[in-house]
Amino acid sequence: MERMSNEALGLRDLRERGLSTHQATIGDRVIAEESAKREHLSIYLSGAHAYGFPSPDSDLDLKCIHIASTGSIVGFDPPSPTFDRAEIIEDVEIDYTSNELGFVLGGMLHGNGSYLERILGRTLLTEPSPALAALRPLARAILSRRYHRHYRGFAGSQQKELAKTPTVKKLLYVLRTAMTGTHLLRTGELETDLRILAPRYGLEGVGTLIEAKRAGERVSADSAMLVEWEPKLKSILGGVDTARDTSPLPEEPPPDAVSALESWLVATRKERF
């Protein structure tokens, strides 16, 4: 296996996701700074930009996977598996998190959808290296019904937050999370963009919500909107449960697929000793 060489695409290549030139410039600067500190396997633009409903004041939610040197992992003082950076740079809010590869793969085996999205998501900011290209089919092979817990649980927690602070953003987050989980469980395919998911599942009224969200992150959801969406949310969240019960995915990751993933991880570790 050849050592990975990921090329940064840059945020400008995702301008259709609602990024301004200034946001892209600041984001690219942060990516360059963090890439100088650690070897990234993937750099993923998450949040509203990935979900299809950004507003001008949306933060840059950069979620990454990095590979630590094997020598550092097996030594007396292994590095932290997680690096965070949260700050505002020239009026651009940055939320950067990178998790180490082994930590991420372990989470994926337990059904962590956030980690899965960093590998299979559309808004990757790196050219797929041979390593990432090899990892993607391995990630698909370990898909299981365990992902129900992540997406259903996250959607439920967002619904509780919506009740406390009713904003259009929180309503959209409930919808996005539930529909991504439903689609994954039904088809084995990852899709995070609500603009694609809504028409596929006949979910009407989402376009109006997205238009309202473009005015800002804190646009309120009025009482009439909440009343209209309450029965829909109940049905949508129930749909995640139905998708789990009827899913073609196995209950747990297939043992052969887990072994293949572990072999890939070991090979990746060996070349970085």
Protein backbone atom coordinates (compact mmCIF):
# COMPACT_ATOMS: atom_id res chain seq x y z
CA MET A 1 0.00 0.00 0.00
CA GLU A 2 1.41 3.39 -0.98
CA ARG A 3 1.57 6.20 1.52
CA MET A 4 -1.39 8.49 1.21
CA SER A 5 -1.06 11.84 -0.57
CA ASN A 6 -4.31 13.77 -0.28
CA GLU A 7 -4.55 16.99 -2.28
CA ALA A 8 -6.74 19.72 -0.83
CA LEU A 9 -9.52 20.72 -3.19
CA GLY A 10 -10.26 23.87 -1.24
CA LEU A 11 -13.55 25.37 -0.21
CA ARG A 12 -13.82 27.37 -3.42
CA ASP A 13 -14.67 24.15 -5.20
CA LEU A 14 -17.84 23.94 -3.09
CA ARG A 15 -19.07 27.45 -3.88
CA GLU A 16 -22.47 26.03 -4.86
CA ARG A 17 -22.88 25.11 -1.20
CA GLY A 18 -23.46 28.76 -0.32
CA LEU A 19 -19.92 29.79 0.64
CA SER A 20 -18.73 33.35 0.06
CA THR A 21 -15.26 34.07 -1.28
CA HIS A 22 -14.25 35.36 2.14
CA GLN A 23 -15.48 32.22 3.92
CA ALA A 24 -13.64 30.03 1.43
CA THR A 25 -10.41 31.99 1.91
CA ILE A 26 -10.54 31.72 5.70
CA GLY A 27 -11.51 28.04 5.56
CA ASP A 28 -8.67 27.19 3.21
CA ARG A 29 -6.24 28.98 5.55
CA VAL A 30 -7.42 26.93 8.53
CA ILE A 31 -7.19 23.69 6.55
CA ALA A 32 -3.62 24.50 5.50
CA GLU A 33 -2.62 25.28 9.09
CA GLU A 34 -4.11 22.08 10.49
CA SER A 35 -2.78 19.93 7.63
CA ALA A 36 0.72 21.08 8.55
CA LYS A 37 0.21 19.56 12.02
CA ARG A 38 -1.24 16.16 11.11
CA GLU A 39 -1.83 13.84 8.17
CA HIS A 40 -5.46 14.08 7.16
CA LEU A 41 -7.15 11.13 5.51
CA SER A 42 -10.27 13.21 4.88
CA ILE A 43 -11.42 16.79 5.35
CA TYR A 44 -15.19 17.11 5.27
CA LEU A 45 -17.39 20.20 5.23
CA SER A 46 -20.28 19.21 7.48
CA GLY A 47 -23.22 21.13 8.94
CA ALA A 48 -25.71 23.23 7.01
CA HIS A 49 -23.47 23.42 3.94
CA ALA A 50 -23.54 19.63 3.59
CA TYR A 51 -27.22 19.40 4.46
CA GLY A 52 -28.43 21.81 1.77
CA PHE A 53 -29.59 24.74 3.88
CA PRO A 54 -26.71 27.16 4.61
CA SER A 55 -27.23 30.81 5.48
CA PRO A 56 -24.67 33.61 5.13
CA ASP A 57 -23.81 33.35 8.84
CA SER A 58 -23.44 29.55 8.92
CA ASP A 59 -20.18 28.42 10.49
CA LEU A 60 -17.57 26.35 8.67
CA ASP A 61 -18.01 22.93 10.26
CA LEU A 62 -14.80 21.13 9.29
CA LYS A 63 -14.82 17.48 10.39
CA CYS A 64 -11.69 15.47 9.64
CA ILE A 65 -9.99 12.12 10.02
CA HIS A 66 -6.24 12.03 10.59
CA ILE A 67 -3.70 9.23 10.85
CA ALA A 68 -1.23 9.32 13.73
CA SER A 69 2.22 7.82 13.28
CA THR A 70 2.28 4.25 14.55
CA GLY A 71 5.42 4.94 16.57
CA SER A 72 3.60 7.58 18.58
CA ILE A 73 0.61 5.31 19.20
CA VAL A 74 2.62 2.43 20.65
CA GLY A 75 4.88 4.61 22.79
CA PHE A 76 4.54 5.66 26.43
CA ASP A 77 2.63 8.85 25.65
CA PRO A 78 0.16 8.23 22.80
CA PRO A 79 -1.33 11.38 21.27
CA SER A 80 -4.90 12.49 21.84
CA PRO A 81 -7.32 10.90 19.35
CA THR A 82 -9.16 14.21 19.00
CA PHE A 83 -8.11 17.74 18.08
CA ASP A 84 -10.54 20.66 18.25
CA ARG A 85 -10.33 24.25 17.11
CA ALA A 86 -13.19 26.69 17.59
CA GLU A 87 -12.72 30.39 16.91
CA ILE A 88 -13.95 33.32 14.89
CA ILE A 89 -11.51 34.56 12.26
CA GLU A 90 -12.39 37.78 10.49
CA ASP A 91 -16.09 37.26 11.19
CA VAL A 92 -16.01 33.63 9.99
CA GLU A 93 -16.90 31.07 12.66
CA ILE A 94 -14.66 27.99 12.50
CA ASP A 95 -15.54 24.66 14.11
CA TYR A 96 -12.75 22.19 13.34
CA THR A 97 -12.53 18.67 14.76
CA SER A 98 -10.25 15.84 13.69
CA ASN A 99 -10.39 12.29 15.05
CA GLU A 100 -7.73 9.63 14.67
CA LEU A 101 -8.39 6.87 12.16
CA GLY A 102 -8.60 3.95 14.60
CA PHE A 103 -10.97 5.88 16.85
CA VAL A 104 -13.17 6.66 13.83
CA LEU A 105 -13.30 3.11 12.51
CA GLY A 106 -14.21 1.77 15.95
CA GLY A 107 -17.02 4.29 16.11
CA MET A 108 -18.27 3.30 12.68
CA LEU A 109 -18.49 -0.34 13.72
CA HIS A 110 -20.85 0.80 16.49
CA GLY A 111 -22.93 2.84 14.03
CA ASN A 112 -21.55 6.38 14.33
CA GLY A 113 -23.03 8.21 11.35
CA SER A 114 -20.95 11.36 11.86
CA TYR A 115 -17.79 9.37 11.16
CA LEU A 116 -19.36 7.58 8.21
CA GLU A 117 -20.22 10.93 6.62
CA ARG A 118 -16.55 11.96 6.72
CA ILE A 119 -15.74 9.03 4.44
CA LEU A 120 -18.77 8.74 2.16
CA GLY A 121 -20.10 12.32 2.21
CA ARG A 122 -20.36 14.51 -0.90
CA THR A 123 -18.62 17.56 0.54
CA LEU A 124 -15.12 16.16 0.96
CA LEU A 125 -12.42 18.80 0.57
CA THR A 126 -9.63 16.42 -0.42
CA GLU A 127 -8.97 14.52 -3.60
CA PRO A 128 -9.59 10.85 -2.79
CA SER A 129 -6.17 9.28 -2.18
CA PRO A 130 -5.54 5.58 -2.82
CA ALA A 131 -6.02 5.04 0.91
CA LEU A 132 -9.39 6.77 1.05
CA ALA A 133 -10.49 5.12 -2.18
CA ALA A 134 -9.67 1.74 -0.63
CA LEU A 135 -11.46 2.60 2.61
CA ARG A 136 -14.77 3.62 1.06
CA PRO A 137 -15.93 0.15 -0.08
CA LEU A 138 -14.74 -1.27 3.23
CA ALA A 139 -16.89 1.29 5.04
CA ARG A 140 -19.91 0.36 2.93
CA ALA A 141 -19.33 -3.31 3.67
CA ILE A 142 -19.64 -2.83 7.45
CA LEU A 143 -22.96 -0.96 7.26
CA SER A 144 -25.53 -2.40 9.63
CA ARG A 145 -28.77 -1.57 11.41
CA ARG A 146 -26.65 -0.17 14.24
CA TYR A 147 -26.79 3.18 12.43
CA HIS A 148 -30.44 3.43 13.44
CA ARG A 149 -29.42 4.30 16.98
CA HIS A 150 -27.28 7.22 15.84
CA TYR A 151 -29.70 8.85 13.43
CA ARG A 152 -32.87 8.17 15.39
CA GLY A 153 -31.27 9.29 18.62
CA PHE A 154 -29.79 12.43 17.11
CA ALA A 155 -33.08 13.36 15.45
CA GLY A 156 -34.89 12.86 18.75
CA SER A 157 -32.44 15.07 20.63
CA GLN A 158 -32.78 17.76 17.97
CA GLN A 159 -36.56 17.58 18.37
CA LYS A 160 -36.16 18.27 22.10
CA GLU A 161 -33.91 21.22 21.31
CA LEU A 162 -36.53 22.48 18.85
CA ALA A 163 -39.12 22.50 21.65
CA LYS A 164 -36.77 24.57 23.86
CA THR A 165 -35.59 26.99 21.17
CA PRO A 166 -37.89 26.88 18.14
CA THR A 167 -35.85 27.95 15.12
CA VAL A 168 -36.09 26.96 11.47
CA LYS A 169 -32.55 25.62 11.69
CA LYS A 170 -33.43 23.16 14.46
CA LEU A 171 -36.50 22.00 12.57
CA LEU A 172 -34.39 21.40 9.47
CA TYR A 173 -31.83 19.48 11.53
CA VAL A 174 -34.54 17.12 12.78
CA LEU A 175 -35.66 16.51 9.21
CA ARG A 176 -32.16 16.09 7.79
CA THR A 177 -31.01 13.67 10.45
CA ALA A 178 -34.14 11.53 10.29
CA MET A 179 -34.19 11.41 6.49
CA THR A 180 -30.48 10.59 6.22
CA GLY A 181 -31.00 7.72 8.64
CA THR A 182 -34.11 6.50 6.85
CA HIS A 183 -32.40 6.56 3.48
CA LEU A 184 -29.29 4.79 4.77
CA LEU A 185 -31.31 2.03 6.41
CA ARG A 186 -33.56 1.56 3.39
CA THR A 187 -30.93 1.64 0.66
CA GLY A 188 -27.47 1.31 2.19
CA GLU A 189 -26.62 4.67 0.57
CA LEU A 190 -25.51 7.79 2.41
CA GLU A 191 -27.19 11.09 1.49
CA THR A 192 -27.06 14.16 3.71
CA ASP A 193 -28.55 16.84 1.42
CA LEU A 194 -32.16 17.51 2.39
CA ARG A 195 -32.82 19.08 -1.02
CA ILE A 196 -32.25 15.63 -2.54
CA LEU A 197 -33.93 13.59 0.19
CA ALA A 198 -37.16 15.59 0.50
CA PRO A 199 -38.50 15.08 -3.04
CA ARG A 200 -37.38 11.46 -3.07
CA TYR A 201 -39.61 10.74 -0.06
CA GLY A 202 -42.44 13.12 -0.95
CA LEU A 203 -41.66 15.48 1.91
CA GLU A 204 -43.46 18.71 1.03
CA GLY A 205 -42.78 22.13 2.49
CA VAL A 206 -39.02 21.70 2.93
CA GLY A 207 -38.24 24.26 0.24
CA THR A 208 -40.12 26.91 2.18
CA LEU A 209 -38.13 26.11 5.31
CA ILE A 210 -34.84 26.31 3.43
CA GLU A 211 -35.78 29.69 1.99
CA ALA A 212 -36.60 30.95 5.49
CA LYS A 213 -33.32 29.60 6.87
CA ARG A 214 -31.31 31.60 4.31
CA ALA A 215 -32.12 34.74 6.30
CA GLY A 216 -29.96 33.52 9.18
CA GLU A 217 -29.10 30.82 11.70
CA ARG A 218 -31.50 32.17 14.34
CA VAL A 219 -34.66 32.66 12.30
CA SER A 220 -37.55 31.67 14.56
CA ALA A 221 -40.07 28.96 13.78
CA ASP A 222 -43.43 30.52 14.64
CA SER A 223 -46.24 28.67 16.37
CA ALA A 224 -48.18 28.11 13.14
CA MET A 225 -45.12 26.46 11.57
CA LEU A 226 -44.62 24.22 14.58
CA VAL A 227 -48.27 23.18 14.61
CA GLU A 228 -48.08 22.35 10.90
CA TRP A 229 -44.94 20.24 11.28
CA GLU A 230 -45.75 18.45 14.54
CA PRO A 231 -47.69 15.52 12.98
CA LYS A 232 -45.21 15.36 10.11
CA LEU A 233 -42.28 15.05 12.51
CA LYS A 234 -44.01 12.23 14.36
CA SER A 235 -44.46 10.35 11.10
CA ILE A 236 -40.91 11.07 9.91
CA LEU A 237 -39.33 9.90 13.15
CA GLY A 238 -41.49 6.80 13.08
CA GLY A 239 -40.25 6.25 9.56
CA VAL A 240 -36.70 5.83 10.85
CA ASP A 241 -37.91 3.01 13.09
CA THR A 242 -39.81 1.39 10.22
CA ALA A 243 -36.72 1.65 8.00
CA ARG A 244 -34.72 -0.16 10.65
CA ASP A 245 -37.24 -2.98 10.97
CA THR A 246 -37.41 -3.51 7.20
CA SER A 247 -33.80 -2.68 6.35
CA PRO A 248 -31.82 -4.93 4.01
CA LEU A 249 -28.76 -4.20 6.16
CA PRO A 250 -27.61 -6.87 8.64
CA GLU A 251 -28.13 -6.44 12.38
CA GLU A 252 -24.39 -6.18 12.94
CA PRO A 253 -21.36 -5.63 10.71
CA PRO A 254 -20.53 -8.89 8.89
CA PRO A 255 -17.46 -10.60 10.45
CA ASP A 256 -15.69 -10.93 7.08
CA ALA A 257 -16.15 -7.21 6.43
CA VAL A 258 -14.82 -6.36 9.90
CA SER A 259 -11.75 -8.55 9.29
CA ALA A 260 -11.11 -6.86 5.95
CA LEU A 261 -11.36 -3.43 7.55
CA GLU A 262 -8.98 -4.44 10.33
CA SER A 263 -6.47 -5.80 7.80
CA TRP A 264 -6.56 -2.48 5.96
CA LEU A 265 -6.02 -0.60 9.23
CA VAL A 266 -3.06 -2.80 10.20
CA ALA A 267 -1.47 -2.31 6.78
CA THR A 268 -1.98 1.45 7.10
CA ARG A 269 -0.35 1.40 10.54
CA LYS A 270 2.62 -0.66 9.34
CA GLU A 271 3.59 1.82 6.66
CA ARG A 272 3.58 4.65 9.21
CA PHE A 273 5.67 3.00 11.90
